[in-house]
Amino acid sequence: MASQDNEAIRSETPTLRARLSNEELNNSKRSSNNSSLRRTRSSSISSLFGPSHVLPSFDVHALYKIKTTRSSKKLDHFFGEFAPHDICIKEIRKEGLKAILESKSPLCYFLYHLLQEYSSENLFFFIELEQYESFSYASLGQQLATAQHIFNTYLTRNSYFEVNLDDKVRRTVTQALEKKDAKNCFDSAKRAVYSLLESSYVRFQNTNTFQEMVDDCGKIIVISIF
């Protein structure tokens, strides 16, 4: 029985799926000039709140993700099947990091920038946590094993993809894992790495790579079904 759980962990963990996604991201940048996809447009998250309501940027990102997910489902329902869609450049200019993190092709350009900054592990870690949170686990043991693997990959000192987070955040994650709090163990780490990505995105906007993204993806057809 234990061997079956281990096999499930190796074959289904978000870590392995994230690494495959990273390879697809690298390949996507080279092929973006040849792609012509119909895309859906997400309206601003600010429409959900009053003018005086202010949320931390990370919380706004979480709500924006919910809104774009709903939009994708509406688009699929409209066509009766899965329809290719992406976040357009206009939306990225308006919404910033939270929009580009929900995109496909534009995200490749951001990853390329992070590779040049030697900080790509921040994006890998964030994607890993997104998948970790959405994955359906067979048991708590499987989820804890996956969480430990993520911790060893990104938060262990001198690991290959070590993320530059402070010791307080690392201790918080360690304590949560010791308490077997698999659901919330990475909350503080995810907020911290999101802040690092925000700083990188500000620099990304002033690079040639950002302009290449605008030129290559700026003519994407956008479908709005709100």
C-alpha atoms as a PDB file:
ATOM      1  CA  MET A   1       0.000   0.000   0.000  1.00  0.00           C
ATOM      2  CA  ALA A   2       2.851   2.402   0.865  1.00  0.00           C
ATOM      3  CA  SER A   3       4.517   1.732  -2.472  1.00  0.00           C
ATOM      4  CA  GLN A   4       1.301   2.689  -4.278  1.00  0.00           C
ATOM      5  CA  ASP A   5       1.128   6.014  -2.367  1.00  0.00           C
ATOM      6  CA  ASN A   6       4.748   6.759  -3.230  1.00  0.00           C
ATOM      7  CA  GLU A   7       4.096   6.011  -6.874  1.00  0.00           C
ATOM      8  CA  ALA A   8       1.066   8.317  -6.833  1.00  0.00           C
ATOM      9  CA  ILE A   9       3.163  11.086  -5.299  1.00  0.00           C
ATOM     10  CA  ARG A  10       5.879  10.734  -7.936  1.00  0.00           C
ATOM     11  CA  SER A  11       3.430  10.677 -10.823  1.00  0.00           C
ATOM     12  CA  GLU A  12       0.899  13.267  -9.665  1.00  0.00           C
ATOM     13  CA  THR A  13       2.773  15.885  -7.661  1.00  0.00           C
ATOM     14  CA  PRO A  14       2.463  19.502  -8.772  1.00  0.00           C
ATOM     15  CA  THR A  15       6.285  19.639  -8.727  1.00  0.00           C
ATOM     16  CA  LEU A  16       6.589  17.374 -11.742  1.00  0.00           C
ATOM     17  CA  ARG A  17       3.707  19.019 -13.513  1.00  0.00           C
ATOM     18  CA  ALA A  18       5.155  22.474 -12.871  1.00  0.00           C
ATOM     19  CA  ARG A  19       8.489  21.421 -14.383  1.00  0.00           C
ATOM     20  CA  LEU A  20       6.672  20.256 -17.504  1.00  0.00           C
ATOM     21  CA  SER A  21       4.829  23.576 -17.564  1.00  0.00           C
ATOM     22  CA  ASN A  22       8.147  25.424 -17.325  1.00  0.00           C
ATOM     23  CA  GLU A  23       9.418  23.588 -20.422  1.00  0.00           C
ATOM     24  CA  GLU A  24       6.241  24.535 -22.242  1.00  0.00           C
ATOM     25  CA  LEU A  25       6.725  28.169 -21.212  1.00  0.00           C
ATOM     26  CA  ASN A  26      10.227  28.204 -22.702  1.00  0.00           C
ATOM     27  CA  ASN A  27       8.988  26.612 -25.944  1.00  0.00           C
ATOM     28  CA  SER A  28       6.004  28.931 -26.153  1.00  0.00           C
ATOM     29  CA  LYS A  29       8.109  32.111 -26.478  1.00  0.00           C
ATOM     30  CA  ARG A  30       9.838  30.753 -29.584  1.00  0.00           C
ATOM     31  CA  SER A  31       6.542  29.817 -31.213  1.00  0.00           C
ATOM     32  CA  SER A  32       4.456  32.830 -30.176  1.00  0.00           C
ATOM     33  CA  ASN A  33       4.984  34.654 -33.491  1.00  0.00           C
ATOM     34  CA  ASN A  34       3.261  31.810 -35.333  1.00  0.00           C
ATOM     35  CA  SER A  35       0.243  31.562 -33.048  1.00  0.00           C
ATOM     36  CA  SER A  36      -3.089  33.245 -33.727  1.00  0.00           C
ATOM     37  CA  LEU A  37      -5.541  32.431 -30.969  1.00  0.00           C
ATOM     38  CA  ARG A  38      -8.927  33.754 -29.967  1.00  0.00           C
ATOM     39  CA  ARG A  39      -8.685  35.195 -26.489  1.00  0.00           C
ATOM     40  CA  THR A  40     -11.055  36.198 -23.731  1.00  0.00           C
ATOM     41  CA  ARG A  41     -10.807  39.536 -21.963  1.00  0.00           C
ATOM     42  CA  SER A  42     -11.106  39.900 -18.197  1.00  0.00           C
ATOM     43  CA  SER A  43     -12.539  43.115 -16.843  1.00  0.00           C
ATOM     44  CA  SER A  44     -10.989  44.925 -13.907  1.00  0.00           C
ATOM     45  CA  ILE A  45     -11.311  43.327 -10.461  1.00  0.00           C
ATOM     46  CA  SER A  46     -12.093  46.799  -9.101  1.00  0.00           C
ATOM     47  CA  SER A  47     -15.677  46.352 -10.342  1.00  0.00           C
ATOM     48  CA  LEU A  48     -16.210  43.907  -7.464  1.00  0.00           C
ATOM     49  CA  PHE A  49     -15.561  46.524  -4.784  1.00  0.00           C
ATOM     50  CA  GLY A  50     -16.507  50.039  -3.816  1.00  0.00           C
ATOM     51  CA  PRO A  51     -14.148  52.939  -4.645  1.00  0.00           C
ATOM     52  CA  SER A  52     -12.880  53.154  -1.058  1.00  0.00           C
ATOM     53  CA  HIS A  53     -12.227  49.433  -0.609  1.00  0.00           C
ATOM     54  CA  VAL A  54      -8.494  48.674  -0.702  1.00  0.00           C
ATOM     55  CA  LEU A  55      -7.005  45.190  -0.480  1.00  0.00           C
ATOM     56  CA  PRO A  56      -3.384  44.035  -0.339  1.00  0.00           C
ATOM     57  CA  SER A  57      -2.071  43.268  -3.823  1.00  0.00           C
ATOM     58  CA  PHE A  58      -1.787  39.545  -3.120  1.00  0.00           C
ATOM     59  CA  ASP A  59      -5.457  39.322  -2.079  1.00  0.00           C
ATOM     60  CA  VAL A  60      -6.459  41.248  -5.195  1.00  0.00           C
ATOM     61  CA  HIS A  61      -4.501  38.690  -7.231  1.00  0.00           C
ATOM     62  CA  ALA A  62      -6.468  35.830  -5.672  1.00  0.00           C
ATOM     63  CA  LEU A  63      -9.777  37.499  -6.510  1.00  0.00           C
ATOM     64  CA  TYR A  64      -8.599  38.326 -10.022  1.00  0.00           C
ATOM     65  CA  LYS A  65      -7.740  34.644 -10.535  1.00  0.00           C
ATOM     66  CA  ILE A  66     -11.279  33.674  -9.526  1.00  0.00           C
ATOM     67  CA  LYS A  67     -12.732  36.168 -11.981  1.00  0.00           C
ATOM     68  CA  THR A  68     -10.600  35.008 -14.919  1.00  0.00           C
ATOM     69  CA  THR A  69     -11.417  31.378 -14.119  1.00  0.00           C
ATOM     70  CA  ARG A  70     -15.122  32.183 -14.279  1.00  0.00           C
ATOM     71  CA  SER A  71     -14.600  33.988 -17.563  1.00  0.00           C
ATOM     72  CA  SER A  72     -12.803  30.956 -19.012  1.00  0.00           C
ATOM     73  CA  LYS A  73     -15.659  28.681 -17.989  1.00  0.00           C
ATOM     74  CA  LYS A  74     -18.163  31.023 -19.607  1.00  0.00           C
ATOM     75  CA  LEU A  75     -16.150  31.019 -22.811  1.00  0.00           C
ATOM     76  CA  ASP A  76     -15.948  27.226 -22.863  1.00  0.00           C
ATOM     77  CA  HIS A  77     -19.684  27.000 -22.215  1.00  0.00           C
ATOM     78  CA  PHE A  78     -20.398  29.485 -25.006  1.00  0.00           C
ATOM     79  CA  PHE A  79     -18.522  27.385 -27.563  1.00  0.00           C
ATOM     80  CA  GLY A  80     -19.598  24.071 -26.060  1.00  0.00           C
ATOM     81  CA  GLU A  81     -15.999  22.912 -25.745  1.00  0.00           C
ATOM     82  CA  PHE A  82     -12.571  24.069 -24.618  1.00  0.00           C
ATOM     83  CA  ALA A  83     -11.678  27.285 -26.406  1.00  0.00           C
ATOM     84  CA  PRO A  84      -8.132  28.677 -26.538  1.00  0.00           C
ATOM     85  CA  HIS A  85      -7.956  31.978 -24.697  1.00  0.00           C
ATOM     86  CA  ASP A  86      -5.423  34.217 -23.036  1.00  0.00           C
ATOM     87  CA  ILE A  87      -5.020  37.526 -21.243  1.00  0.00           C
ATOM     88  CA  CYS A  88      -4.562  40.347 -23.735  1.00  0.00           C
ATOM     89  CA  ILE A  89      -1.851  43.031 -23.601  1.00  0.00           C
ATOM     90  CA  LYS A  90      -4.379  45.746 -22.800  1.00  0.00           C
ATOM     91  CA  GLU A  91      -5.465  43.788 -19.732  1.00  0.00           C
ATOM     92  CA  ILE A  92      -1.854  43.203 -18.678  1.00  0.00           C
ATOM     93  CA  ARG A  93      -1.080  46.914 -18.943  1.00  0.00           C
ATOM     94  CA  LYS A  94      -4.129  47.650 -16.818  1.00  0.00           C
ATOM     95  CA  GLU A  95      -3.882  44.929 -14.167  1.00  0.00           C
ATOM     96  CA  GLY A  96      -0.134  44.269 -14.023  1.00  0.00           C
ATOM     97  CA  LEU A  97       1.379  41.215 -12.369  1.00  0.00           C
ATOM     98  CA  LYS A  98      -1.868  39.495 -11.426  1.00  0.00           C
ATOM     99  CA  ALA A  99      -2.931  39.512 -15.081  1.00  0.00           C
ATOM    100  CA  ILE A 100       0.333  38.247 -16.499  1.00  0.00           C
ATOM    101  CA  LEU A 101       0.381  35.401 -13.959  1.00  0.00           C
ATOM    102  CA  GLU A 102      -2.963  34.248 -15.384  1.00  0.00           C
ATOM    103  CA  SER A 103      -1.743  34.507 -18.982  1.00  0.00           C
ATOM    104  CA  LYS A 104      -0.074  31.912 -21.179  1.00  0.00           C
ATOM    105  CA  SER A 105       2.040  33.443 -23.957  1.00  0.00           C
ATOM    106  CA  PRO A 106       2.797  36.748 -22.153  1.00  0.00           C
ATOM    107  CA  LEU A 107       3.947  34.771 -19.120  1.00  0.00           C
ATOM    108  CA  CYS A 108       6.728  33.286 -21.260  1.00  0.00           C
ATOM    109  CA  TYR A 109       8.203  36.733 -21.802  1.00  0.00           C
ATOM    110  CA  PHE A 110       8.093  37.450 -18.093  1.00  0.00           C
ATOM    111  CA  LEU A 111       9.839  34.137 -17.434  1.00  0.00           C
ATOM    112  CA  TYR A 112      12.522  35.072 -19.969  1.00  0.00           C
ATOM    113  CA  HIS A 113      13.085  38.319 -18.069  1.00  0.00           C
ATOM    114  CA  LEU A 114      13.343  36.445 -14.775  1.00  0.00           C
ATOM    115  CA  LEU A 115      15.896  34.076 -16.289  1.00  0.00           C
ATOM    116  CA  GLN A 116      17.991  37.103 -17.223  1.00  0.00           C
ATOM    117  CA  GLU A 117      17.629  38.396 -13.656  1.00  0.00           C
ATOM    118  CA  TYR A 118      18.568  34.986 -12.221  1.00  0.00           C
ATOM    119  CA  SER A 119      15.310  34.926 -10.276  1.00  0.00           C
ATOM    120  CA  SER A 120      13.220  32.441 -12.268  1.00  0.00           C
ATOM    121  CA  GLU A 121      12.879  30.265  -9.157  1.00  0.00           C
ATOM    122  CA  ASN A 122      10.413  32.838  -7.777  1.00  0.00           C
ATOM    123  CA  LEU A 123       8.004  32.177 -10.625  1.00  0.00           C
ATOM    124  CA  PHE A 124       8.565  28.418 -10.492  1.00  0.00           C
ATOM    125  CA  PHE A 125       7.807  28.449  -6.768  1.00  0.00           C
ATOM    126  CA  PHE A 126       4.669  30.526  -7.215  1.00  0.00           C
ATOM    127  CA  ILE A 127       3.347  28.266  -9.996  1.00  0.00           C
ATOM    128  CA  GLU A 128       4.190  25.245  -7.865  1.00  0.00           C
ATOM    129  CA  LEU A 129       2.131  26.610  -4.974  1.00  0.00           C
ATOM    130  CA  GLU A 130      -0.787  27.441  -7.261  1.00  0.00           C
ATOM    131  CA  GLN A 131      -0.840  23.833  -8.427  1.00  0.00           C
ATOM    132  CA  TYR A 132      -0.310  22.518  -4.913  1.00  0.00           C
ATOM    133  CA  GLU A 133      -3.396  24.371  -3.707  1.00  0.00           C
ATOM    134  CA  SER A 134      -5.623  23.210  -6.571  1.00  0.00           C
ATOM    135  CA  PHE A 135      -4.535  19.557  -6.678  1.00  0.00           C
ATOM    136  CA  SER A 136      -6.820  16.834  -5.280  1.00  0.00           C
ATOM    137  CA  TYR A 137      -4.850  14.527  -2.997  1.00  0.00           C
ATOM    138  CA  ALA A 138      -5.673  10.917  -2.203  1.00  0.00           C
ATOM    139  CA  SER A 139      -4.739  11.367   1.456  1.00  0.00           C
ATOM    140  CA  LEU A 140      -3.250  13.808   3.950  1.00  0.00           C
ATOM    141  CA  GLY A 141      -0.070  11.761   3.823  1.00  0.00           C
ATOM    142  CA  GLN A 142       0.273  12.344   0.107  1.00  0.00           C
ATOM    143  CA  GLN A 143      -0.337  16.075   0.517  1.00  0.00           C
ATOM    144  CA  LEU A 144       2.225  16.360   3.330  1.00  0.00           C
ATOM    145  CA  ALA A 145       4.782  14.445   1.276  1.00  0.00           C
ATOM    146  CA  THR A 146       4.202  16.829  -1.623  1.00  0.00           C
ATOM    147  CA  ALA A 147       4.516  19.841   0.698  1.00  0.00           C
ATOM    148  CA  GLN A 148       7.777  18.510   2.073  1.00  0.00           C
ATOM    149  CA  HIS A 149       9.106  17.990  -1.443  1.00  0.00           C
ATOM    150  CA  ILE A 150       8.247  21.593  -2.343  1.00  0.00           C
ATOM    151  CA  PHE A 151       9.918  22.801   0.846  1.00  0.00           C
ATOM    152  CA  ASN A 152      13.067  20.805   0.067  1.00  0.00           C
ATOM    153  CA  THR A 153      13.153  22.136  -3.494  1.00  0.00           C
ATOM    154  CA  TYR A 154      12.631  25.836  -2.817  1.00  0.00           C
ATOM    155  CA  LEU A 155      13.097  26.643   0.869  1.00  0.00           C
ATOM    156  CA  THR A 156      16.000  24.425   1.936  1.00  0.00           C
ATOM    157  CA  ARG A 157      19.350  26.205   2.195  1.00  0.00           C
ATOM    158  CA  ASN A 158      21.542  25.753  -0.903  1.00  0.00           C
ATOM    159  CA  SER A 159      18.849  23.849  -2.782  1.00  0.00           C
ATOM    160  CA  TYR A 160      19.019  24.180  -6.567  1.00  0.00           C
ATOM    161  CA  PHE A 161      15.897  26.393  -6.763  1.00  0.00           C
ATOM    162  CA  GLU A 162      16.288  28.119  -3.401  1.00  0.00           C
ATOM    163  CA  VAL A 163      14.016  31.166  -3.110  1.00  0.00           C
ATOM    164  CA  ASN A 164      15.419  34.196  -1.332  1.00  0.00           C
ATOM    165  CA  LEU A 165      12.966  34.448   1.568  1.00  0.00           C
ATOM    166  CA  ASP A 166      13.813  35.506   5.116  1.00  0.00           C
ATOM    167  CA  ASP A 167      14.276  33.079   7.974  1.00  0.00           C
ATOM    168  CA  LYS A 168      10.986  34.083   9.615  1.00  0.00           C
ATOM    169  CA  VAL A 169       9.022  32.861   6.601  1.00  0.00           C
ATOM    170  CA  ARG A 170      11.011  29.617   6.483  1.00  0.00           C
ATOM    171  CA  ARG A 171      10.353  28.993  10.176  1.00  0.00           C
ATOM    172  CA  THR A 172       6.637  29.624   9.697  1.00  0.00           C
ATOM    173  CA  VAL A 173       6.478  27.000   6.945  1.00  0.00           C
ATOM    174  CA  THR A 174       8.554  24.538   8.983  1.00  0.00           C
ATOM    175  CA  GLN A 175       6.302  24.921  12.022  1.00  0.00           C
ATOM    176  CA  ALA A 176       3.181  24.437   9.905  1.00  0.00           C
ATOM    177  CA  LEU A 177       4.590  21.246   8.398  1.00  0.00           C
ATOM    178  CA  GLU A 178       5.477  19.954  11.860  1.00  0.00           C
ATOM    179  CA  LYS A 179       1.847  20.542  12.875  1.00  0.00           C
ATOM    180  CA  LYS A 180       0.723  18.759   9.683  1.00  0.00           C
ATOM    181  CA  ASP A 181      -1.094  21.882   8.514  1.00  0.00           C
ATOM    182  CA  ALA A 182      -0.870  20.913   4.851  1.00  0.00           C
ATOM    183  CA  LYS A 183      -3.584  23.333   3.734  1.00  0.00           C
ATOM    184  CA  ASN A 184      -2.080  26.609   4.986  1.00  0.00           C
ATOM    185  CA  CYS A 185       1.603  25.781   5.407  1.00  0.00           C
ATOM    186  CA  PHE A 186       2.789  27.914   2.466  1.00  0.00           C
ATOM    187  CA  ASP A 187       0.555  30.974   2.946  1.00  0.00           C
ATOM    188  CA  SER A 188       3.290  33.279   4.251  1.00  0.00           C
ATOM    189  CA  ALA A 189       5.819  32.024   1.701  1.00  0.00           C
ATOM    190  CA  LYS A 190       3.410  32.596  -1.172  1.00  0.00           C
ATOM    191  CA  ARG A 191       2.752  36.164  -0.078  1.00  0.00           C
ATOM    192  CA  ALA A 192       6.481  36.814   0.250  1.00  0.00           C
ATOM    193  CA  VAL A 193       7.384  35.435  -3.175  1.00  0.00           C
ATOM    194  CA  TYR A 194       4.514  37.369  -4.735  1.00  0.00           C
ATOM    195  CA  SER A 195       6.131  40.566  -3.441  1.00  0.00           C
ATOM    196  CA  LEU A 196       9.404  39.548  -5.088  1.00  0.00           C
ATOM    197  CA  LEU A 197       7.575  38.958  -8.367  1.00  0.00           C
ATOM    198  CA  GLU A 198       5.972  42.391  -8.110  1.00  0.00           C
ATOM    199  CA  SER A 199       9.410  43.994  -7.906  1.00  0.00           C
ATOM    200  CA  SER A 200      10.591  41.988 -10.901  1.00  0.00           C
ATOM    201  CA  TYR A 201       7.510  42.947 -12.892  1.00  0.00           C
ATOM    202  CA  VAL A 202       8.180  46.656 -12.340  1.00  0.00           C
ATOM    203  CA  ARG A 203      11.651  46.194 -13.840  1.00  0.00           C
ATOM    204  CA  PHE A 204      10.253  43.996 -16.610  1.00  0.00           C
ATOM    205  CA  GLN A 205       8.073  46.859 -17.863  1.00  0.00           C
ATOM    206  CA  ASN A 206      11.187  48.867 -18.732  1.00  0.00           C
ATOM    207  CA  THR A 207      12.919  46.179 -20.793  1.00  0.00           C
ATOM    208  CA  ASN A 208      13.146  45.323 -24.480  1.00  0.00           C
ATOM    209  CA  THR A 209      11.579  41.961 -23.648  1.00  0.00           C
ATOM    210  CA  PHE A 210       8.399  43.698 -22.481  1.00  0.00           C
ATOM    211  CA  GLN A 211       8.206  45.629 -25.740  1.00  0.00           C
ATOM    212  CA  GLU A 212       8.732  42.400 -27.681  1.00  0.00           C
ATOM    213  CA  MET A 213       5.813  40.912 -25.776  1.00  0.00           C
ATOM    214  CA  VAL A 214       3.643  43.887 -26.724  1.00  0.00           C
ATOM    215  CA  ASP A 215       4.662  43.644 -30.387  1.00  0.00           C
ATOM    216  CA  ASP A 216       4.227  39.872 -30.609  1.00  0.00           C
ATOM    217  CA  CYS A 217       1.056  39.491 -28.551  1.00  0.00           C
ATOM    218  CA  GLY A 218      -0.550  42.913 -29.006  1.00  0.00           C
ATOM    219  CA  LYS A 219      -2.668  41.865 -31.988  1.00  0.00           C
ATOM    220  CA  ILE A 220      -4.344  38.984 -30.176  1.00  0.00           C
ATOM    221  CA  ILE A 221      -8.083  38.866 -30.788  1.00  0.00           C
ATOM    222  CA  VAL A 222      -9.961  39.308 -27.525  1.00  0.00           C
ATOM    223  CA  ILE A 223     -13.378  37.864 -26.807  1.00  0.00           C
ATOM    224  CA  SER A 224     -15.370  39.409 -23.962  1.00  0.00           C
ATOM    225  CA  ILE A 225     -18.448  37.577 -22.727  1.00  0.00           C
ATOM    226  CA  PHE A 226     -19.123  39.279 -19.414  1.00  0.00           C
END
